[in-house]
């Protein structure tokens, strides 16, 4: 059984769900890259006043966080294979929505 310190991170009194520790490092790296690019896209879209682009970028942030296990069902309540499948599905969808630059592509790509 996983204890609370492996499930939650507390910053300034606010509790945040941690990334699923069972996910392979390459999958976490790829999802984290997508998360950073999506957060950057939110800021750029806000600065340009493009509400549709803000919504699309926020949807990518949500998808990356769900893939990492930081949103959605609690990862510790699900079987490890289901968690990995969800992460890979999120990664596949993110790659479709916002393909990574050639320099960012690696072993984490879905390839199937």
N, C-alpha and C. Protein backbone atom coordinates (compact mmCIF):
# COMPACT_ATOMS: atom_id res chain seq x y z
N UNK A 1 0.83 -1.19 0.00
CA UNK A 1 0.00 0.00 0.00
C UNK A 1 0.87 1.25 0.00
N UNK A 2 0.44 2.24 -0.73
CA UNK A 2 1.16 3.49 -0.85
C UNK A 2 0.74 4.43 0.27
N UNK A 3 1.73 5.10 0.90
CA UNK A 3 1.35 6.04 1.96
C UNK A 3 1.09 7.43 1.38
N UNK A 4 0.52 8.31 2.19
CA UNK A 4 0.12 9.63 1.72
C UNK A 4 1.27 10.46 1.18
N UNK A 5 2.48 10.29 1.71
CA UNK A 5 3.61 11.09 1.23
C UNK A 5 3.98 10.72 -0.21
N UNK A 6 3.60 9.54 -0.66
CA UNK A 6 3.84 9.15 -2.05
C UNK A 6 2.69 9.57 -2.96
N UNK A 7 1.58 9.94 -2.36
CA UNK A 7 0.40 10.32 -3.14
C UNK A 7 0.26 11.83 -3.30
N UNK A 8 0.68 12.57 -2.28
CA UNK A 8 0.41 14.01 -2.24
C UNK A 8 1.68 14.81 -1.97
N UNK A 9 1.70 16.01 -2.52
CA UNK A 9 2.77 16.97 -2.30
C UNK A 9 2.10 18.22 -1.75
N UNK A 10 2.61 18.78 -0.67
CA UNK A 10 2.02 19.98 -0.09
C UNK A 10 2.97 21.15 -0.31
N UNK A 11 2.44 22.20 -0.94
CA UNK A 11 3.21 23.41 -1.19
C UNK A 11 2.37 24.58 -0.70
N UNK A 12 2.95 25.38 0.19
CA UNK A 12 2.26 26.55 0.76
C UNK A 12 0.87 26.18 1.28
N UNK A 13 0.80 25.02 1.94
CA UNK A 13 -0.45 24.58 2.56
C UNK A 13 -1.46 23.99 1.59
N UNK A 14 -1.14 23.96 0.32
CA UNK A 14 -2.05 23.39 -0.67
C UNK A 14 -1.56 22.01 -1.08
N UNK A 15 -2.47 21.06 -1.13
CA UNK A 15 -2.12 19.68 -1.44
C UNK A 15 -2.32 19.41 -2.94
N UNK A 16 -1.28 18.84 -3.55
CA UNK A 16 -1.29 18.50 -4.97
C UNK A 16 -1.03 17.02 -5.13
N UNK A 17 -1.73 16.41 -6.06
CA UNK A 17 -1.50 14.99 -6.32
C UNK A 17 -0.18 14.80 -7.06
N UNK A 18 0.58 13.81 -6.62
CA UNK A 18 1.85 13.51 -7.27
C UNK A 18 1.63 12.71 -8.55
N UNK A 19 2.64 12.74 -9.40
CA UNK A 19 2.66 11.92 -10.61
C UNK A 19 2.69 10.45 -10.21
N UNK A 20 2.00 9.63 -10.97
CA UNK A 20 1.96 8.19 -10.74
C UNK A 20 3.39 7.63 -10.80
N UNK A 21 3.90 7.08 -9.69
CA UNK A 21 5.28 6.60 -9.66
C UNK A 21 5.52 5.32 -10.47
N UNK A 22 4.46 4.67 -10.92
CA UNK A 22 4.64 3.43 -11.68
C UNK A 22 4.88 3.68 -13.16
N UNK A 23 4.69 4.92 -13.62
CA UNK A 23 4.86 5.21 -15.04
C UNK A 23 6.34 5.19 -15.42
N UNK A 24 6.65 4.64 -16.59
CA UNK A 24 8.04 4.62 -17.05
C UNK A 24 8.58 6.04 -17.20
N UNK A 25 9.87 6.20 -16.95
CA UNK A 25 10.49 7.52 -17.01
C UNK A 25 10.31 8.20 -18.36
N UNK A 26 10.39 7.44 -19.46
CA UNK A 26 10.25 8.05 -20.78
C UNK A 26 8.84 8.58 -21.01
N UNK A 27 7.84 7.90 -20.48
CA UNK A 27 6.46 8.35 -20.62
C UNK A 27 6.25 9.61 -19.79
N UNK A 28 6.77 9.62 -18.56
CA UNK A 28 6.66 10.80 -17.71
C UNK A 28 7.35 11.99 -18.38
N UNK A 29 8.54 11.77 -18.93
CA UNK A 29 9.28 12.86 -19.58
C UNK A 29 8.49 13.43 -20.76
N UNK A 30 7.91 12.56 -21.57
CA UNK A 30 7.15 13.02 -22.73
C UNK A 30 5.89 13.77 -22.30
N UNK A 31 5.18 13.25 -21.31
CA UNK A 31 3.97 13.93 -20.82
C UNK A 31 4.33 15.26 -20.17
N UNK A 32 5.43 15.31 -19.43
CA UNK A 32 5.87 16.54 -18.78
C UNK A 32 6.26 17.58 -19.82
N UNK A 33 6.89 17.14 -20.90
CA UNK A 33 7.22 18.06 -21.99
C UNK A 33 5.94 18.65 -22.60
N UNK A 34 4.97 17.80 -22.84
CA UNK A 34 3.69 18.28 -23.36
C UNK A 34 3.04 19.26 -22.38
N UNK A 35 3.11 18.94 -21.10
CA UNK A 35 2.52 19.81 -20.08
C UNK A 35 3.16 21.19 -20.11
N UNK A 36 4.47 21.24 -20.18
CA UNK A 36 5.16 22.53 -20.22
C UNK A 36 4.81 23.33 -21.47
N UNK A 37 4.77 22.64 -22.62
CA UNK A 37 4.43 23.34 -23.86
C UNK A 37 2.98 23.81 -23.84
N UNK A 38 2.10 23.02 -23.25
CA UNK A 38 0.69 23.42 -23.17
C UNK A 38 0.52 24.62 -22.23
N UNK A 39 1.22 24.62 -21.11
CA UNK A 39 1.15 25.76 -20.19
C UNK A 39 1.67 27.02 -20.87
N UNK A 40 2.74 26.88 -21.63
CA UNK A 40 3.27 28.02 -22.38
C UNK A 40 2.25 28.52 -23.40
N UNK A 41 1.56 27.59 -24.05
CA UNK A 41 0.54 27.95 -25.03
C UNK A 41 -0.63 28.67 -24.39
N UNK A 42 -0.98 28.30 -23.15
CA UNK A 42 -2.04 29.01 -22.42
C UNK A 42 -1.65 30.47 -22.27
N UNK A 43 -0.42 30.70 -21.81
CA UNK A 43 0.04 32.08 -21.60
C UNK A 43 0.07 32.88 -22.90
N UNK A 44 0.58 32.28 -23.96
CA UNK A 44 0.65 32.97 -25.25
C UNK A 44 -0.76 33.31 -25.76
N UNK A 45 -1.68 32.36 -25.61
CA UNK A 45 -3.05 32.59 -26.08
C UNK A 45 -3.74 33.67 -25.25
N UNK A 46 -3.48 33.69 -23.94
CA UNK A 46 -4.05 34.75 -23.10
C UNK A 46 -3.53 36.11 -23.52
N UNK A 47 -2.22 36.20 -23.78
CA UNK A 47 -1.62 37.48 -24.18
C UNK A 47 -2.18 37.97 -25.51
N UNK A 48 -2.52 37.04 -26.39
CA UNK A 48 -3.06 37.44 -27.69
C UNK A 48 -4.58 37.66 -27.66
N UNK A 49 -5.21 37.28 -26.54
CA UNK A 49 -6.65 37.47 -26.41
C UNK A 49 -7.47 36.46 -27.19
N UNK A 50 -6.87 35.32 -27.50
CA UNK A 50 -7.55 34.28 -28.29
C UNK A 50 -8.19 33.25 -27.36
N UNK A 51 -9.45 33.45 -27.07
CA UNK A 51 -10.15 32.58 -26.12
C UNK A 51 -10.22 31.13 -26.58
N UNK A 52 -10.38 30.91 -27.87
CA UNK A 52 -10.44 29.53 -28.38
C UNK A 52 -9.09 28.84 -28.19
N UNK A 53 -8.00 29.56 -28.42
CA UNK A 53 -6.67 28.98 -28.24
C UNK A 53 -6.39 28.72 -26.76
N UNK A 54 -6.89 29.60 -25.88
CA UNK A 54 -6.74 29.38 -24.44
C UNK A 54 -7.43 28.08 -24.05
N UNK A 55 -8.66 27.90 -24.53
CA UNK A 55 -9.42 26.68 -24.20
C UNK A 55 -8.72 25.44 -24.74
N UNK A 56 -8.20 25.51 -25.96
CA UNK A 56 -7.51 24.35 -26.55
C UNK A 56 -6.24 24.03 -25.76
N UNK A 57 -5.49 25.04 -25.37
CA UNK A 57 -4.27 24.82 -24.61
C UNK A 57 -4.58 24.27 -23.23
N UNK A 58 -5.62 24.78 -22.60
CA UNK A 58 -6.01 24.26 -21.28
C UNK A 58 -6.45 22.80 -21.38
N UNK A 59 -7.09 22.44 -22.47
CA UNK A 59 -7.48 21.04 -22.66
C UNK A 59 -6.24 20.16 -22.76
N UNK A 60 -5.18 20.65 -23.41
CA UNK A 60 -3.92 19.90 -23.48
C UNK A 60 -3.28 19.78 -22.11
N UNK A 61 -3.32 20.85 -21.31
CA UNK A 61 -2.79 20.78 -19.93
C UNK A 61 -3.54 19.69 -19.17
N UNK A 62 -4.86 19.70 -19.26
CA UNK A 62 -5.67 18.71 -18.55
C UNK A 62 -5.34 17.30 -19.00
N UNK A 63 -5.19 17.10 -20.30
CA UNK A 63 -4.88 15.78 -20.84
C UNK A 63 -3.52 15.29 -20.33
N UNK A 64 -2.53 16.17 -20.31
CA UNK A 64 -1.20 15.78 -19.82
C UNK A 64 -1.27 15.43 -18.33
N UNK A 65 -1.97 16.24 -17.54
CA UNK A 65 -2.07 15.98 -16.11
C UNK A 65 -2.83 14.68 -15.83
N UNK A 66 -3.84 14.39 -16.63
CA UNK A 66 -4.56 13.11 -16.48
C UNK A 66 -3.64 11.94 -16.84
N UNK A 67 -2.86 12.11 -17.89
CA UNK A 67 -1.91 11.06 -18.27
C UNK A 67 -0.89 10.80 -17.18
N UNK A 68 -0.46 11.84 -16.50
CA UNK A 68 0.50 11.72 -15.41
C UNK A 68 -0.13 11.18 -14.13
N UNK A 69 -1.47 11.13 -14.09
CA UNK A 69 -2.16 10.66 -12.90
C UNK A 69 -2.43 11.76 -11.89
N UNK A 70 -2.18 13.01 -12.28
CA UNK A 70 -2.35 14.13 -11.36
C UNK A 70 -3.78 14.65 -11.34
N UNK A 71 -4.58 14.21 -12.27
CA UNK A 71 -6.02 14.53 -12.31
C UNK A 71 -6.76 13.26 -12.68
N UNK A 72 -8.07 13.31 -12.52
CA UNK A 72 -8.88 12.14 -12.86
C UNK A 72 -8.92 11.16 -11.72
N UNK A 73 -9.16 9.90 -12.04
CA UNK A 73 -9.23 8.88 -10.99
C UNK A 73 -7.91 8.81 -10.22
N UNK A 74 -8.01 8.53 -8.94
CA UNK A 74 -6.79 8.37 -8.14
C UNK A 74 -6.00 7.19 -8.67
N UNK A 75 -4.73 7.41 -9.02
CA UNK A 75 -3.94 6.34 -9.61
C UNK A 75 -3.77 5.17 -8.66
N UNK A 76 -3.77 5.41 -7.38
CA UNK A 76 -3.56 4.32 -6.42
C UNK A 76 -4.79 3.43 -6.26
N UNK A 77 -5.91 3.83 -6.86
CA UNK A 77 -7.12 3.01 -6.82
C UNK A 77 -7.28 2.15 -8.07
N UNK A 78 -6.35 2.27 -9.01
CA UNK A 78 -6.47 1.55 -10.28
C UNK A 78 -5.32 0.56 -10.45
N UNK A 79 -5.56 -0.43 -11.27
CA UNK A 79 -4.52 -1.40 -11.60
C UNK A 79 -3.43 -0.71 -12.41
N UNK A 80 -2.20 -1.15 -12.20
CA UNK A 80 -1.06 -0.52 -12.86
C UNK A 80 -1.17 -0.56 -14.39
N UNK A 81 -1.67 -1.64 -14.96
CA UNK A 81 -1.79 -1.71 -16.42
C UNK A 81 -2.81 -0.71 -16.96
N UNK A 82 -3.87 -0.45 -16.22
CA UNK A 82 -4.87 0.55 -16.62
C UNK A 82 -4.27 1.95 -16.56
N UNK A 83 -3.45 2.19 -15.56
CA UNK A 83 -2.79 3.50 -15.42
C UNK A 83 -1.82 3.74 -16.58
N UNK A 84 -1.06 2.73 -16.92
CA UNK A 84 -0.11 2.86 -18.02
C UNK A 84 -0.86 3.06 -19.34
N UNK A 85 -1.95 2.33 -19.53
CA UNK A 85 -2.75 2.49 -20.75
C UNK A 85 -3.28 3.92 -20.85
N UNK A 86 -3.78 4.47 -19.75
CA UNK A 86 -4.30 5.84 -19.76
C UNK A 86 -3.19 6.82 -20.10
N UNK A 87 -2.01 6.62 -19.53
CA UNK A 87 -0.88 7.52 -19.80
C UNK A 87 -0.49 7.46 -21.27
N UNK A 88 -0.42 6.27 -21.82
CA UNK A 88 -0.04 6.11 -23.23
C UNK A 88 -1.11 6.68 -24.16
N UNK A 89 -2.38 6.52 -23.81
CA UNK A 89 -3.46 7.10 -24.61
C UNK A 89 -3.38 8.62 -24.59
N UNK A 90 -3.12 9.20 -23.42
CA UNK A 90 -2.99 10.65 -23.30
C UNK A 90 -1.81 11.13 -24.14
N UNK A 91 -0.70 10.42 -24.08
CA UNK A 91 0.48 10.78 -24.85
C UNK A 91 0.20 10.71 -26.35
N UNK A 92 -0.48 9.67 -26.76
CA UNK A 92 -0.84 9.53 -28.18
C UNK A 92 -1.70 10.71 -28.63
N UNK A 93 -2.70 11.07 -27.84
CA UNK A 93 -3.59 12.18 -28.19
C UNK A 93 -2.83 13.50 -28.19
N UNK A 94 -1.95 13.71 -27.23
CA UNK A 94 -1.17 14.94 -27.19
C UNK A 94 -0.22 15.03 -28.39
N UNK A 95 0.38 13.91 -28.77
CA UNK A 95 1.24 13.90 -29.95
C UNK A 95 0.45 14.26 -31.20
N UNK A 96 -0.81 13.84 -31.24
CA UNK A 96 -1.67 14.17 -32.39
C UNK A 96 -2.02 15.66 -32.38
N UNK A 97 -2.36 16.19 -31.22
CA UNK A 97 -2.79 17.59 -31.11
C UNK A 97 -1.63 18.57 -31.27
N UNK A 98 -0.48 18.21 -30.72
CA UNK A 98 0.68 19.11 -30.73
C UNK A 98 1.94 18.27 -30.85
N UNK A 99 2.27 17.84 -32.07
CA UNK A 99 3.43 16.97 -32.24
C UNK A 99 4.70 17.61 -31.67
N UNK A 100 5.50 16.81 -30.96
CA UNK A 100 6.75 17.35 -30.42
C UNK A 100 7.73 17.64 -31.56
N UNK A 101 8.64 18.56 -31.30
CA UNK A 101 9.70 18.85 -32.27
C UNK A 101 10.55 17.60 -32.43
N UNK A 102 11.22 17.48 -33.55
CA UNK A 102 12.05 16.30 -33.83
C UNK A 102 13.07 16.08 -32.72
N UNK A 103 13.60 17.15 -32.13
CA UNK A 103 14.61 17.01 -31.07
C UNK A 103 14.01 16.46 -29.78
N UNK A 104 12.68 16.52 -29.62
CA UNK A 104 12.02 16.03 -28.41
C UNK A 104 11.55 14.59 -28.54
N UNK A 105 11.48 14.07 -29.75
CA UNK A 105 10.97 12.71 -29.95
C UNK A 105 11.98 11.71 -29.42
N UNK A 106 11.46 10.69 -28.76
CA UNK A 106 12.34 9.66 -28.22
C UNK A 106 11.60 8.36 -28.08
N UNK A 107 12.04 7.55 -27.17
CA UNK A 107 11.45 6.22 -26.96
C UNK A 107 10.03 6.29 -26.42
N UNK A 108 9.59 7.45 -25.93
CA UNK A 108 8.28 7.53 -25.31
C UNK A 108 7.16 7.58 -26.34
N UNK A 109 7.46 7.85 -27.57
CA UNK A 109 6.41 7.93 -28.58
C UNK A 109 5.59 6.64 -28.59
N UNK A 110 4.36 6.77 -28.98
CA UNK A 110 3.47 5.61 -28.93
C UNK A 110 3.85 4.57 -29.95
N UNK A 111 4.26 4.97 -31.13
CA UNK A 111 4.76 4.04 -32.13
C UNK A 111 3.81 2.94 -32.54
N UNK A 112 2.65 2.86 -31.95
CA UNK A 112 1.70 1.81 -32.34
C UNK A 112 0.37 2.40 -32.70
